[in-house]
Amino acid sequence: MKTYVLQVVIEPDEDRWRAYCPELEEYGGATWGYTRKEAEKNIREVLEMVLETMVEHNYSIPGTPARNGLAPDGSLKEVRG
């Protein structure tokens, strides 16, 4: 199993929060929540499902492979696929 670093955007959208991954939005990598925390939880779940499907269908996964589980800036925010 590889770990990839993917950008996730979480922004306010009227009475809720919108969360999406620009690299995977065309594959369904977007969701929302009533709170920022809920949107973050939801996008993590959505991205896990999207990545699982991409792996099953042998699609190329965009993003940057993480080194030692860390993003290039040293943070540890990951979704495995």
N, C-alpha and C. Protein backbone atom coordinates (compact mmCIF):
# COMPACT_ATOMS: atom_id res chain seq x y z
N MET A 1 0.86 -1.18 0.00
CA MET A 1 0.00 0.00 0.00
C MET A 1 0.89 1.24 0.00
N LYS A 2 0.58 2.17 -0.89
CA LYS A 2 1.33 3.42 -0.97
C LYS A 2 0.55 4.52 -0.26
N THR A 3 1.28 5.51 0.20
CA THR A 3 0.68 6.68 0.81
C THR A 3 0.96 7.87 -0.10
N TYR A 4 -0.10 8.64 -0.40
CA TYR A 4 0.02 9.81 -1.26
C TYR A 4 -0.35 11.07 -0.49
N VAL A 5 0.26 12.16 -0.87
CA VAL A 5 -0.06 13.46 -0.32
C VAL A 5 -0.97 14.16 -1.33
N LEU A 6 -2.18 14.49 -0.89
CA LEU A 6 -3.16 15.14 -1.75
C LEU A 6 -3.64 16.42 -1.09
N GLN A 7 -3.82 17.45 -1.89
CA GLN A 7 -4.32 18.71 -1.36
C GLN A 7 -5.82 18.58 -1.13
N VAL A 8 -6.28 19.06 0.02
CA VAL A 8 -7.70 19.11 0.34
C VAL A 8 -8.05 20.55 0.69
N VAL A 9 -9.13 21.04 0.09
CA VAL A 9 -9.60 22.39 0.36
C VAL A 9 -10.89 22.28 1.17
N ILE A 10 -10.95 23.00 2.28
CA ILE A 10 -12.16 23.07 3.10
C ILE A 10 -12.50 24.54 3.25
N GLU A 11 -13.69 24.91 2.78
CA GLU A 11 -14.06 26.32 2.79
C GLU A 11 -15.54 26.49 3.15
N PRO A 12 -15.87 27.62 3.76
CA PRO A 12 -17.28 27.87 4.09
C PRO A 12 -18.10 28.05 2.82
N ASP A 13 -19.34 27.55 2.86
CA ASP A 13 -20.24 27.65 1.71
C ASP A 13 -21.66 27.85 2.24
N GLU A 14 -22.07 29.09 2.36
CA GLU A 14 -23.36 29.48 2.94
C GLU A 14 -23.48 28.93 4.37
N ASP A 15 -24.38 27.98 4.62
CA ASP A 15 -24.60 27.49 5.99
C ASP A 15 -23.87 26.18 6.27
N ARG A 16 -22.89 25.83 5.47
CA ARG A 16 -22.14 24.59 5.66
C ARG A 16 -20.71 24.76 5.18
N TRP A 17 -19.93 23.70 5.25
CA TRP A 17 -18.55 23.71 4.80
C TRP A 17 -18.40 22.75 3.62
N ARG A 18 -17.72 23.20 2.59
CA ARG A 18 -17.45 22.37 1.41
C ARG A 18 -16.02 21.87 1.49
N ALA A 19 -15.82 20.59 1.19
CA ALA A 19 -14.49 20.00 1.19
C ALA A 19 -14.28 19.25 -0.12
N TYR A 20 -13.11 19.45 -0.71
CA TYR A 20 -12.83 18.75 -1.96
C TYR A 20 -11.33 18.61 -2.16
N CYS A 21 -10.98 17.65 -3.00
CA CYS A 21 -9.60 17.44 -3.40
C CYS A 21 -9.53 17.81 -4.87
N PRO A 22 -8.85 18.91 -5.23
CA PRO A 22 -8.81 19.34 -6.63
C PRO A 22 -8.35 18.24 -7.59
N GLU A 23 -7.40 17.41 -7.15
CA GLU A 23 -6.86 16.36 -8.02
C GLU A 23 -7.85 15.22 -8.24
N LEU A 24 -8.80 15.05 -7.34
CA LEU A 24 -9.73 13.93 -7.43
C LEU A 24 -11.20 14.35 -7.54
N GLU A 25 -11.44 15.64 -7.67
CA GLU A 25 -12.83 16.12 -7.71
C GLU A 25 -13.59 15.53 -8.90
N GLU A 26 -12.94 15.37 -10.04
CA GLU A 26 -13.62 14.81 -11.21
C GLU A 26 -13.98 13.34 -11.02
N TYR A 27 -13.40 12.69 -10.02
CA TYR A 27 -13.71 11.29 -9.70
C TYR A 27 -14.68 11.18 -8.53
N GLY A 28 -15.18 12.30 -8.05
CA GLY A 28 -16.12 12.29 -6.93
C GLY A 28 -15.48 12.71 -5.61
N GLY A 29 -14.30 13.26 -5.64
CA GLY A 29 -13.58 13.65 -4.43
C GLY A 29 -14.04 14.98 -3.86
N ALA A 30 -15.33 15.06 -3.50
CA ALA A 30 -15.89 16.28 -2.91
C ALA A 30 -17.04 15.90 -1.98
N THR A 31 -17.25 16.71 -0.96
CA THR A 31 -18.33 16.47 -0.01
C THR A 31 -18.57 17.75 0.77
N TRP A 32 -19.35 17.67 1.84
CA TRP A 32 -19.64 18.83 2.66
C TRP A 32 -19.98 18.37 4.08
N GLY A 33 -20.09 19.33 4.99
CA GLY A 33 -20.50 19.06 6.36
C GLY A 33 -21.04 20.34 6.97
N TYR A 34 -21.82 20.20 8.03
CA TYR A 34 -22.37 21.39 8.70
C TYR A 34 -21.31 22.12 9.51
N THR A 35 -20.24 21.40 9.89
CA THR A 35 -19.11 22.02 10.59
C THR A 35 -17.84 21.69 9.82
N ARG A 36 -16.80 22.46 10.10
CA ARG A 36 -15.51 22.19 9.45
C ARG A 36 -15.01 20.79 9.80
N LYS A 37 -15.17 20.42 11.05
CA LYS A 37 -14.72 19.10 11.51
C LYS A 37 -15.49 17.99 10.78
N GLU A 38 -16.80 18.16 10.61
CA GLU A 38 -17.60 17.17 9.91
C GLU A 38 -17.18 17.08 8.44
N ALA A 39 -16.92 18.21 7.81
CA ALA A 39 -16.48 18.22 6.42
C ALA A 39 -15.13 17.51 6.28
N GLU A 40 -14.23 17.73 7.24
CA GLU A 40 -12.92 17.07 7.21
C GLU A 40 -13.07 15.56 7.35
N LYS A 41 -13.92 15.12 8.25
CA LYS A 41 -14.18 13.69 8.43
C LYS A 41 -14.78 13.10 7.17
N ASN A 42 -15.74 13.80 6.58
CA ASN A 42 -16.42 13.31 5.38
C ASN A 42 -15.47 13.21 4.19
N ILE A 43 -14.61 14.21 4.00
CA ILE A 43 -13.71 14.17 2.85
C ILE A 43 -12.71 13.04 3.00
N ARG A 44 -12.28 12.77 4.21
CA ARG A 44 -11.36 11.64 4.43
C ARG A 44 -12.03 10.33 3.99
N GLU A 45 -13.28 10.14 4.40
CA GLU A 45 -14.02 8.93 4.04
C GLU A 45 -14.24 8.85 2.52
N VAL A 46 -14.62 9.97 1.91
CA VAL A 46 -14.86 9.99 0.47
C VAL A 46 -13.57 9.68 -0.29
N LEU A 47 -12.47 10.29 0.12
CA LEU A 47 -11.21 10.06 -0.59
C LEU A 47 -10.74 8.62 -0.45
N GLU A 48 -10.97 8.01 0.70
CA GLU A 48 -10.63 6.60 0.87
C GLU A 48 -11.41 5.74 -0.12
N MET A 49 -12.71 6.02 -0.28
CA MET A 49 -13.54 5.27 -1.23
C MET A 49 -13.09 5.52 -2.67
N VAL A 50 -12.83 6.77 -3.01
CA VAL A 50 -12.39 7.10 -4.37
C VAL A 50 -11.08 6.40 -4.69
N LEU A 51 -10.13 6.46 -3.77
CA LEU A 51 -8.83 5.83 -4.01
C LEU A 51 -8.94 4.31 -4.10
N GLU A 52 -9.77 3.71 -3.27
CA GLU A 52 -9.98 2.25 -3.35
C GLU A 52 -10.51 1.87 -4.72
N THR A 53 -11.47 2.64 -5.23
CA THR A 53 -12.05 2.37 -6.54
C THR A 53 -11.01 2.56 -7.64
N MET A 54 -10.21 3.60 -7.53
CA MET A 54 -9.17 3.85 -8.53
C MET A 54 -8.17 2.70 -8.56
N VAL A 55 -7.78 2.21 -7.39
CA VAL A 55 -6.84 1.09 -7.32
C VAL A 55 -7.46 -0.16 -7.94
N GLU A 56 -8.73 -0.45 -7.62
CA GLU A 56 -9.43 -1.62 -8.16
C GLU A 56 -9.48 -1.59 -9.69
N HIS A 57 -9.61 -0.40 -10.26
CA HIS A 57 -9.73 -0.26 -11.71
C HIS A 57 -8.41 0.11 -12.39
N ASN A 58 -7.32 0.03 -11.62
CA ASN A 58 -5.97 0.31 -12.14
C ASN A 58 -5.82 1.71 -12.72
N TYR A 59 -6.51 2.69 -12.15
CA TYR A 59 -6.35 4.08 -12.58
C TYR A 59 -5.07 4.63 -11.95
N SER A 60 -4.45 5.54 -12.64
CA SER A 60 -3.29 6.23 -12.11
C SER A 60 -3.75 7.21 -11.03
N ILE A 61 -3.09 7.19 -9.90
CA ILE A 61 -3.46 8.07 -8.80
C ILE A 61 -2.59 9.32 -8.84
N PRO A 62 -3.23 10.49 -8.98
CA PRO A 62 -2.46 11.74 -8.98
C PRO A 62 -1.97 12.05 -7.56
N GLY A 63 -1.10 12.98 -7.46
CA GLY A 63 -0.61 13.38 -6.14
C GLY A 63 0.86 13.06 -6.02
N THR A 64 1.40 13.35 -4.89
CA THR A 64 2.80 13.14 -4.62
C THR A 64 2.96 11.98 -3.65
N PRO A 65 3.70 10.94 -4.04
CA PRO A 65 3.93 9.86 -3.07
C PRO A 65 4.64 10.42 -1.84
N ALA A 66 4.17 10.05 -0.66
CA ALA A 66 4.78 10.53 0.58
C ALA A 66 6.05 9.75 0.86
N ARG A 67 7.00 10.42 1.46
CA ARG A 67 8.24 9.76 1.87
C ARG A 67 8.17 9.53 3.35
N ASN A 68 8.33 8.29 3.76
CA ASN A 68 8.30 7.92 5.18
C ASN A 68 6.99 8.35 5.85
N GLY A 69 5.90 8.38 5.08
CA GLY A 69 4.60 8.75 5.64
C GLY A 69 4.40 10.22 5.88
N LEU A 70 5.37 11.06 5.46
CA LEU A 70 5.27 12.50 5.71
C LEU A 70 5.10 13.27 4.41
N ALA A 71 4.30 14.31 4.48
CA ALA A 71 4.16 15.21 3.36
C ALA A 71 5.46 16.00 3.20
N PRO A 72 5.69 16.60 2.02
CA PRO A 72 6.92 17.36 1.82
C PRO A 72 7.18 18.44 2.87
N ASP A 73 6.11 19.01 3.46
CA ASP A 73 6.30 20.04 4.48
C ASP A 73 6.48 19.44 5.88
N GLY A 74 6.53 18.11 5.97
CA GLY A 74 6.75 17.46 7.26
C GLY A 74 5.48 17.12 8.02
N SER A 75 4.31 17.52 7.50
CA SER A 75 3.06 17.21 8.18
C SER A 75 2.66 15.76 7.93
N LEU A 76 1.76 15.27 8.74
CA LEU A 76 1.30 13.90 8.60
C LEU A 76 -0.21 13.90 8.47
N LYS A 77 -0.68 14.26 7.29
CA LYS A 77 -2.10 14.21 6.97
C LYS A 77 -2.18 13.34 5.74
N GLU A 78 -2.70 12.15 5.89
CA GLU A 78 -2.61 11.21 4.79
C GLU A 78 -3.91 10.46 4.56
N VAL A 79 -4.07 10.02 3.35
CA VAL A 79 -5.12 9.09 2.98
C VAL A 79 -4.42 8.00 2.21
N ARG A 80 -4.62 6.80 2.62
CA ARG A 80 -3.94 5.68 1.97
C ARG A 80 -4.78 5.11 0.85
N GLY A 81 -4.12 4.69 -0.20
CA GLY A 81 -4.81 4.11 -1.34
C GLY A 81 -4.03 2.98 -1.95
